[in-house]
C-alpha atoms as a PDB file:
ATOM      1  CA  MET A   1     -38.369-177.798 -70.540  1.00  0.00           C
ATOM      2  CA  GLU A   2     -39.271-174.161 -70.802  1.00  0.00           C
ATOM      3  CA  LEU A   3     -43.024-174.049 -71.290  1.00  0.00           C
ATOM      4  CA  ALA A   4     -45.856-176.272 -70.038  1.00  0.00           C
ATOM      5  CA  PHE A   5     -49.637-175.975 -70.005  1.00  0.00           C
ATOM      6  CA  VAL A   6     -52.224-177.549 -67.684  1.00  0.00           C
ATOM      7  CA  ILE A   7     -54.781-179.955 -69.103  1.00  0.00           C
ATOM      8  CA  SER A   8     -57.484-181.599 -67.026  1.00  0.00           C
ATOM      9  CA  LEU A   9     -57.836-185.288 -67.834  1.00  0.00           C
ATOM     10  CA  GLN A  10     -61.329-185.365 -66.343  1.00  0.00           C
ATOM     11  CA  GLU A  11     -64.415-183.203 -66.383  1.00  0.00           C
ATOM     12  CA  THR A  12     -64.465-180.691 -63.546  1.00  0.00           C
ATOM     13  CA  SER A  13     -67.007-178.258 -62.165  1.00  0.00           C
ATOM     14  CA  PHE A  14     -64.745-175.227 -62.413  1.00  0.00           C
ATOM     15  CA  SER A  15     -64.014-173.489 -65.680  1.00  0.00           C
ATOM     16  CA  ALA A  16     -60.734-175.062 -66.720  1.00  0.00           C
ATOM     17  CA  ILE A  17     -59.386-173.793 -70.019  1.00  0.00           C
ATOM     18  CA  SER A  18     -58.799-177.296 -71.323  1.00  0.00           C
ATOM     19  CA  GLN A  19     -60.927-180.136 -70.009  1.00  0.00           C
ATOM     20  CA  GLY A  20     -62.958-183.004 -71.279  1.00  0.00           C
ATOM     21  CA  GLN A  21     -61.571-182.572 -74.770  1.00  0.00           C
ATOM     22  CA  ASP A  22     -59.902-185.139 -76.954  1.00  0.00           C
ATOM     23  CA  LEU A  23     -56.439-185.651 -75.452  1.00  0.00           C
ATOM     24  CA  LYS A  24     -54.743-186.130 -78.824  1.00  0.00           C
ATOM     25  CA  LYS A  25     -56.291-182.937 -80.175  1.00  0.00           C
ATOM     26  CA  SER A  26     -55.329-180.968 -77.061  1.00  0.00           C
ATOM     27  CA  LEU A  27     -51.730-182.174 -77.022  1.00  0.00           C
ATOM     28  CA  SER A  28     -51.374-181.692 -80.756  1.00  0.00           C
ATOM     29  CA  ARG A  29     -52.472-178.087 -80.326  1.00  0.00           C
ATOM     30  CA  LEU A  30     -50.026-177.548 -77.461  1.00  0.00           C
ATOM     31  CA  ARG A  31     -47.188-178.840 -79.639  1.00  0.00           C
ATOM     32  CA  GLU A  32     -48.249-176.541 -82.487  1.00  0.00           C
ATOM     33  CA  LEU A  33     -48.154-173.615 -80.051  1.00  0.00           C
ATOM     34  CA  GLY A  34     -44.610-174.482 -79.001  1.00  0.00           C
ATOM     35  CA  TYR A  35     -45.189-176.066 -75.605  1.00  0.00           C
ATOM     36  CA  GLN A  36     -42.655-178.633 -74.412  1.00  0.00           C
ATOM     37  CA  GLY A  37     -44.691-179.993 -71.549  1.00  0.00           C
ATOM     38  CA  VAL A  38     -48.133-180.652 -70.162  1.00  0.00           C
ATOM     39  CA  GLU A  39     -49.129-180.631 -66.511  1.00  0.00           C
ATOM     40  CA  LEU A  40     -51.878-183.191 -66.014  1.00  0.00           C
ATOM     41  CA  ALA A  41     -54.672-182.288 -63.599  1.00  0.00           C
ATOM     42  CA  VAL A  42     -56.019-185.594 -62.292  1.00  0.00           C
ATOM     43  CA  ARG A  43     -58.892-185.982 -59.840  1.00  0.00           C
ATOM     44  CA  ASP A  44     -58.617-189.766 -59.506  1.00  0.00           C
ATOM     45  CA  PRO A  45     -55.764-191.652 -61.177  1.00  0.00           C
ATOM     46  CA  GLU A  46     -57.715-194.918 -61.011  1.00  0.00           C
ATOM     47  CA  THR A  47     -60.210-193.568 -63.544  1.00  0.00           C
ATOM     48  CA  VAL A  48     -57.542-192.611 -66.088  1.00  0.00           C
ATOM     49  CA  ASP A  49     -56.379-194.844 -68.931  1.00  0.00           C
ATOM     50  CA  VAL A  50     -52.714-194.538 -67.981  1.00  0.00           C
ATOM     51  CA  GLU A  51     -51.356-196.378 -71.023  1.00  0.00           C
ATOM     52  CA  LEU A  52     -53.339-194.175 -73.408  1.00  0.00           C
ATOM     53  CA  VAL A  53     -52.190-190.981 -71.685  1.00  0.00           C
ATOM     54  CA  LYS A  54     -48.577-192.166 -71.688  1.00  0.00           C
ATOM     55  CA  GLU A  55     -48.769-193.129 -75.365  1.00  0.00           C
ATOM     56  CA  VAL A  56     -50.318-189.807 -76.433  1.00  0.00           C
ATOM     57  CA  VAL A  57     -47.915-187.706 -74.356  1.00  0.00           C
ATOM     58  CA  GLN A  58     -44.933-189.573 -75.826  1.00  0.00           C
ATOM     59  CA  SER A  59     -46.295-189.352 -79.365  1.00  0.00           C
ATOM     60  CA  TYR A  60     -46.169-185.563 -79.143  1.00  0.00           C
ATOM     61  CA  ASN A  61     -42.754-185.642 -77.474  1.00  0.00           C
ATOM     62  CA  LEU A  62     -44.015-183.735 -74.443  1.00  0.00           C
ATOM     63  CA  GLU A  63     -42.732-183.859 -70.888  1.00  0.00           C
ATOM     64  CA  VAL A  64     -45.017-184.092 -67.865  1.00  0.00           C
ATOM     65  CA  PRO A  65     -43.443-181.939 -65.166  1.00  0.00           C
ATOM     66  CA  ALA A  66     -46.258-182.298 -62.634  1.00  0.00           C
ATOM     67  CA  ILE A  67     -49.521-183.972 -61.707  1.00  0.00           C
ATOM     68  CA  GLY A  68     -52.158-181.705 -60.177  1.00  0.00           C
ATOM     69  CA  THR A  69     -54.341-182.970 -57.316  1.00  0.00           C
ATOM     70  CA  GLY A  70     -56.645-180.010 -56.624  1.00  0.00           C
ATOM     71  CA  GLN A  71     -59.680-181.533 -58.307  1.00  0.00           C
ATOM     72  CA  ALA A  72     -59.832-184.238 -55.622  1.00  0.00           C
ATOM     73  CA  TYR A  73     -60.416-181.431 -53.131  1.00  0.00           C
ATOM     74  CA  LEU A  74     -62.739-179.377 -55.325  1.00  0.00           C
ATOM     75  CA  GLU A  75     -64.861-182.276 -56.585  1.00  0.00           C
ATOM     76  CA  GLU A  76     -64.744-184.709 -53.654  1.00  0.00           C
ATOM     77  CA  GLY A  77     -63.743-182.681 -50.615  1.00  0.00           C
ATOM     78  CA  LEU A  78     -60.600-184.717 -50.010  1.00  0.00           C
ATOM     79  CA  SER A  79     -58.387-182.774 -47.645  1.00  0.00           C
ATOM     80  CA  LEU A  80     -55.496-183.503 -45.314  1.00  0.00           C
ATOM     81  CA  SER A  81     -56.938-180.991 -42.835  1.00  0.00           C
ATOM     82  CA  SER A  82     -60.455-182.434 -42.664  1.00  0.00           C
ATOM     83  CA  PRO A  83     -61.748-182.894 -39.123  1.00  0.00           C
ATOM     84  CA  ASP A  84     -63.022-186.316 -40.283  1.00  0.00           C
ATOM     85  CA  PRO A  85     -60.287-188.954 -39.861  1.00  0.00           C
ATOM     86  CA  ASP A  86     -61.832-191.098 -42.630  1.00  0.00           C
ATOM     87  CA  VAL A  87     -61.563-188.194 -45.098  1.00  0.00           C
ATOM     88  CA  ARG A  88     -57.950-187.606 -44.090  1.00  0.00           C
ATOM     89  CA  GLN A  89     -57.179-191.316 -44.609  1.00  0.00           C
ATOM     90  CA  LYS A  90     -58.904-191.331 -48.024  1.00  0.00           C
ATOM     91  CA  THR A  91     -56.921-188.227 -48.934  1.00  0.00           C
ATOM     92  CA  ARG A  92     -53.599-189.828 -48.013  1.00  0.00           C
ATOM     93  CA  GLU A  93     -54.533-192.931 -50.007  1.00  0.00           C
ATOM     94  CA  ARG A  94     -55.523-190.834 -53.017  1.00  0.00           C
ATOM     95  CA  LEU A  95     -52.308-188.842 -52.894  1.00  0.00           C
ATOM     96  CA  LYS A  96     -50.330-192.067 -52.901  1.00  0.00           C
ATOM     97  CA  LYS A  97     -52.212-193.027 -56.074  1.00  0.00           C
ATOM     98  CA  HIS A  98     -51.223-189.658 -57.537  1.00  0.00           C
ATOM     99  CA  VAL A  99     -47.616-190.455 -56.626  1.00  0.00           C
ATOM    100  CA  GLN A 100     -47.872-193.815 -58.406  1.00  0.00           C
ATOM    101  CA  PHE A 101     -49.359-192.111 -61.482  1.00  0.00           C
ATOM    102  CA  ALA A 102     -46.690-189.397 -61.413  1.00  0.00           C
ATOM    103  CA  SER A 103     -43.898-191.955 -61.205  1.00  0.00           C
ATOM    104  CA  ILE A 104     -44.835-193.213 -64.678  1.00  0.00           C
ATOM    105  CA  PHE A 105     -43.883-189.795 -66.055  1.00  0.00           C
ATOM    106  CA  ARG A 106     -41.105-189.035 -63.555  1.00  0.00           C
ATOM    107  CA  ALA A 107     -43.255-186.024 -62.610  1.00  0.00           C
ATOM    108  CA  GLY A 108     -43.764-184.145 -59.395  1.00  0.00           C
ATOM    109  CA  VAL A 109     -47.065-184.104 -57.523  1.00  0.00           C
ATOM    110  CA  ILE A 110     -48.615-180.752 -56.683  1.00  0.00           C
ATOM    111  CA  ILE A 111     -50.071-180.727 -53.196  1.00  0.00           C
ATOM    112  CA  GLY A 112     -52.062-177.508 -53.294  1.00  0.00           C
ATOM    113  CA  LEU A 113     -55.716-177.353 -52.306  1.00  0.00           C
ATOM    114  CA  ILE A 114     -55.774-180.998 -51.243  1.00  0.00           C
ATOM    115  CA  ARG A 115     -53.200-180.294 -48.551  1.00  0.00           C
ATOM    116  CA  GLY A 116     -55.887-178.575 -46.581  1.00  0.00           C
ATOM    117  CA  GLY A 117     -57.877-176.249 -48.754  1.00  0.00           C
ATOM    118  CA  TYR A 118     -58.386-174.439 -45.508  1.00  0.00           C
ATOM    119  CA  ILE A 119     -58.610-175.273 -41.819  1.00  0.00           C
ATOM    120  CA  VAL A 120     -62.297-175.760 -41.061  1.00  0.00           C
ATOM    121  CA  GLU A 121     -63.844-173.238 -38.701  1.00  0.00           C
ATOM    122  CA  GLY A 122     -63.914-174.652 -35.189  1.00  0.00           C
ATOM    123  CA  VAL A 123     -60.832-176.835 -35.725  1.00  0.00           C
ATOM    124  CA  ASP A 124     -57.778-175.785 -33.756  1.00  0.00           C
ATOM    125  CA  PHE A 125     -55.185-174.494 -36.231  1.00  0.00           C
ATOM    126  CA  SER A 126     -52.292-176.403 -34.654  1.00  0.00           C
ATOM    127  CA  LYS A 127     -54.312-179.633 -34.775  1.00  0.00           C
ATOM    128  CA  GLY A 128     -55.175-179.035 -38.444  1.00  0.00           C
ATOM    129  CA  ARG A 129     -51.544-178.298 -39.213  1.00  0.00           C
ATOM    130  CA  LYS A 130     -50.463-181.562 -37.558  1.00  0.00           C
ATOM    131  CA  TRP A 131     -52.907-183.501 -39.746  1.00  0.00           C
ATOM    132  CA  VAL A 132     -51.534-181.801 -42.855  1.00  0.00           C
ATOM    133  CA  VAL A 133     -47.910-182.439 -41.863  1.00  0.00           C
ATOM    134  CA  LYS A 134     -48.667-186.119 -41.176  1.00  0.00           C
ATOM    135  CA  GLY A 135     -50.295-186.493 -44.574  1.00  0.00           C
ATOM    136  CA  ILE A 136     -47.529-184.720 -46.445  1.00  0.00           C
ATOM    137  CA  ARG A 137     -44.894-186.843 -44.694  1.00  0.00           C
ATOM    138  CA  GLU A 138     -46.669-190.027 -45.776  1.00  0.00           C
ATOM    139  CA  CYS A 139     -46.895-188.763 -49.339  1.00  0.00           C
ATOM    140  CA  CYS A 140     -43.252-187.692 -49.353  1.00  0.00           C
ATOM    141  CA  GLN A 141     -42.236-191.147 -48.186  1.00  0.00           C
ATOM    142  CA  ALA A 142     -44.273-192.730 -50.980  1.00  0.00           C
ATOM    143  CA  ALA A 143     -42.736-190.303 -53.485  1.00  0.00           C
ATOM    144  CA  GLN A 144     -39.231-191.036 -52.246  1.00  0.00           C
ATOM    145  CA  GLU A 145     -39.858-194.765 -52.666  1.00  0.00           C
ATOM    146  CA  LYS A 146     -40.876-194.082 -56.287  1.00  0.00           C
ATOM    147  CA  GLY A 147     -37.900-191.806 -56.904  1.00  0.00           C
ATOM    148  CA  ILE A 148     -39.936-188.648 -57.402  1.00  0.00           C
END
């Protein structure tokens, strides 16, 4: 695959180029423009009609190289570096759901903003880094189990 474009599968508060539109229309347009792939930005995989997405992606003969996770941070504040242990746990659980979703497409999972966004002021950097490393290790193990 040489060329892919990001499409958000859910509404988001930031100005994404392609969001909240008809998936078939969006993917049809990408194909017309010569794209071979589509990166899917997904806030919460549990709210996505996986079978519909899979069917539409396949119908346009597109690859899914990656699943984006940043909206979970931007919209919900999920972060591996949160000083709140419950938020960190919810983040690890969500990332595992992203891994499950990605495995359907044999795609990678982008751990960008959700990895930490930033270390909160007042939190020791080395402590924050340990939280992030723990979370990424758990997600990598889940990904390895799914073959991605």
